[in-house]
Amino acid sequence: MKNSKLLLVVLTILFATAVDGEVRVPALIGDNMVLQQGKKVRIWGSALPNERVTVALDKNTASATTDAN
């Protein structure tokens, strides 16, 4: 159940952000992805320079601002 919540949150954030920017994640991240329970999850992708990206799962959030590259 937590895996499906993660996917839903990630996709919601990415689609909401995609309206304003060019956020992309690799094909590996998507429907039917498998996550290891109790392990940290790394989400990666690309976006426009200086764009702020936030990923949220349950009570945890992580944010980053893209660099010039």
C-alpha atoms as a PDB file:
ATOM      1  CA  MET A   1       0.000   0.000   0.000  1.00  0.00           C
ATOM      2  CA  LYS A   2       2.865   2.403   0.790  1.00  0.00           C
ATOM      3  CA  ASN A   3       4.386   1.776  -2.644  1.00  0.00           C
ATOM      4  CA  SER A   4       1.189   2.810  -4.383  1.00  0.00           C
ATOM      5  CA  LYS A   5       0.982   5.914  -2.180  1.00  0.00           C
ATOM      6  CA  LEU A   6       4.550   6.840  -3.143  1.00  0.00           C
ATOM      7  CA  LEU A   7       3.797   6.426  -6.813  1.00  0.00           C
ATOM      8  CA  LEU A   8       0.616   8.469  -6.551  1.00  0.00           C
ATOM      9  CA  VAL A   9       2.387  11.286  -4.710  1.00  0.00           C
ATOM     10  CA  VAL A  10       5.347  11.333  -7.102  1.00  0.00           C
ATOM     11  CA  LEU A  11       3.156  11.337 -10.187  1.00  0.00           C
ATOM     12  CA  THR A  12       0.865  14.016  -8.743  1.00  0.00           C
ATOM     13  CA  ILE A  13       3.818  16.266  -7.975  1.00  0.00           C
ATOM     14  CA  LEU A  14       5.420  15.674 -11.346  1.00  0.00           C
ATOM     15  CA  PHE A  15       2.253  16.323 -13.315  1.00  0.00           C
ATOM     16  CA  ALA A  16       1.446  19.435 -11.271  1.00  0.00           C
ATOM     17  CA  THR A  17       4.989  20.730 -11.770  1.00  0.00           C
ATOM     18  CA  ALA A  18       5.035  19.825 -15.458  1.00  0.00           C
ATOM     19  CA  VAL A  19       2.463  22.555 -16.092  1.00  0.00           C
ATOM     20  CA  ASP A  20       5.065  25.149 -15.105  1.00  0.00           C
ATOM     21  CA  GLY A  21       8.255  23.384 -16.131  1.00  0.00           C
ATOM     22  CA  GLU A  22       9.937  20.516 -17.862  1.00  0.00           C
ATOM     23  CA  VAL A  23      10.305  17.901 -15.129  1.00  0.00           C
ATOM     24  CA  ARG A  24      11.140  14.413 -16.411  1.00  0.00           C
ATOM     25  CA  VAL A  25      11.843  11.138 -14.646  1.00  0.00           C
ATOM     26  CA  PRO A  26      13.296   8.005 -16.217  1.00  0.00           C
ATOM     27  CA  ALA A  27      10.984   5.255 -17.471  1.00  0.00           C
ATOM     28  CA  LEU A  28      12.094   3.118 -14.522  1.00  0.00           C
ATOM     29  CA  ILE A  29       9.995   5.346 -12.234  1.00  0.00           C
ATOM     30  CA  GLY A  30       6.314   4.770 -12.903  1.00  0.00           C
ATOM     31  CA  ASP A  31       3.447   2.330 -12.672  1.00  0.00           C
ATOM     32  CA  ASN A  32       4.277  -1.089 -11.256  1.00  0.00           C
ATOM     33  CA  MET A  33       7.661  -0.027  -9.882  1.00  0.00           C
ATOM     34  CA  VAL A  34       8.885  -2.120  -6.957  1.00  0.00           C
ATOM     35  CA  LEU A  35      10.348  -0.517  -3.825  1.00  0.00           C
ATOM     36  CA  GLN A  36      12.163  -2.186  -0.931  1.00  0.00           C
ATOM     37  CA  GLN A  37      10.294  -1.710   2.319  1.00  0.00           C
ATOM     38  CA  GLY A  38      12.227   0.187   4.999  1.00  0.00           C
ATOM     39  CA  LYS A  39      14.860   1.504   2.572  1.00  0.00           C
ATOM     40  CA  LYS A  40      15.514   5.047   1.377  1.00  0.00           C
ATOM     41  CA  VAL A  41      14.146   5.795  -2.078  1.00  0.00           C
ATOM     42  CA  ARG A  42      16.061   7.967  -4.533  1.00  0.00           C
ATOM     43  CA  ILE A  43      14.001   9.783  -7.137  1.00  0.00           C
ATOM     44  CA  TRP A  44      15.922  11.397  -9.989  1.00  0.00           C
ATOM     45  CA  GLY A  45      15.210  13.108 -13.242  1.00  0.00           C
ATOM     46  CA  SER A  46      15.729  16.383 -15.035  1.00  0.00           C
ATOM     47  CA  ALA A  47      14.133  19.804 -15.035  1.00  0.00           C
ATOM     48  CA  LEU A  48      14.761  23.323 -16.253  1.00  0.00           C
ATOM     49  CA  PRO A  49      17.657  25.221 -14.610  1.00  0.00           C
ATOM     50  CA  ASN A  50      16.932  26.693 -11.156  1.00  0.00           C
ATOM     51  CA  GLU A  51      13.601  24.882 -10.883  1.00  0.00           C
ATOM     52  CA  ARG A  52      12.522  23.743  -7.412  1.00  0.00           C
ATOM     53  CA  VAL A  53      11.305  20.133  -7.272  1.00  0.00           C
ATOM     54  CA  THR A  54       9.630  18.547  -4.229  1.00  0.00           C
ATOM     55  CA  VAL A  55       8.800  14.886  -3.688  1.00  0.00           C
ATOM     56  CA  ALA A  56       6.493  13.892  -0.822  1.00  0.00           C
ATOM     57  CA  LEU A  57       5.642  10.513   0.648  1.00  0.00           C
ATOM     58  CA  ASP A  58       3.347  10.266   3.634  1.00  0.00           C
ATOM     59  CA  LYS A  59       4.897  12.639   6.227  1.00  0.00           C
ATOM     60  CA  ASN A  60       8.288  12.828   4.482  1.00  0.00           C
ATOM     61  CA  THR A  61       9.255  15.432   1.908  1.00  0.00           C
ATOM     62  CA  ALA A  62      12.456  16.219   0.072  1.00  0.00           C
ATOM     63  CA  SER A  63      13.181  19.273  -2.072  1.00  0.00           C
ATOM     64  CA  ALA A  64      15.950  20.291  -4.400  1.00  0.00           C
ATOM     65  CA  THR A  65      16.691  23.115  -6.804  1.00  0.00           C
ATOM     66  CA  THR A  66      18.203  22.173 -10.129  1.00  0.00           C
ATOM     67  CA  ASP A  67      21.548  23.593 -11.152  1.00  0.00           C
ATOM     68  CA  ALA A  68      22.427  25.261 -14.446  1.00  0.00           C
ATOM     69  CA  ASN A  69      23.101  21.881 -16.084  1.00  0.00           C
END
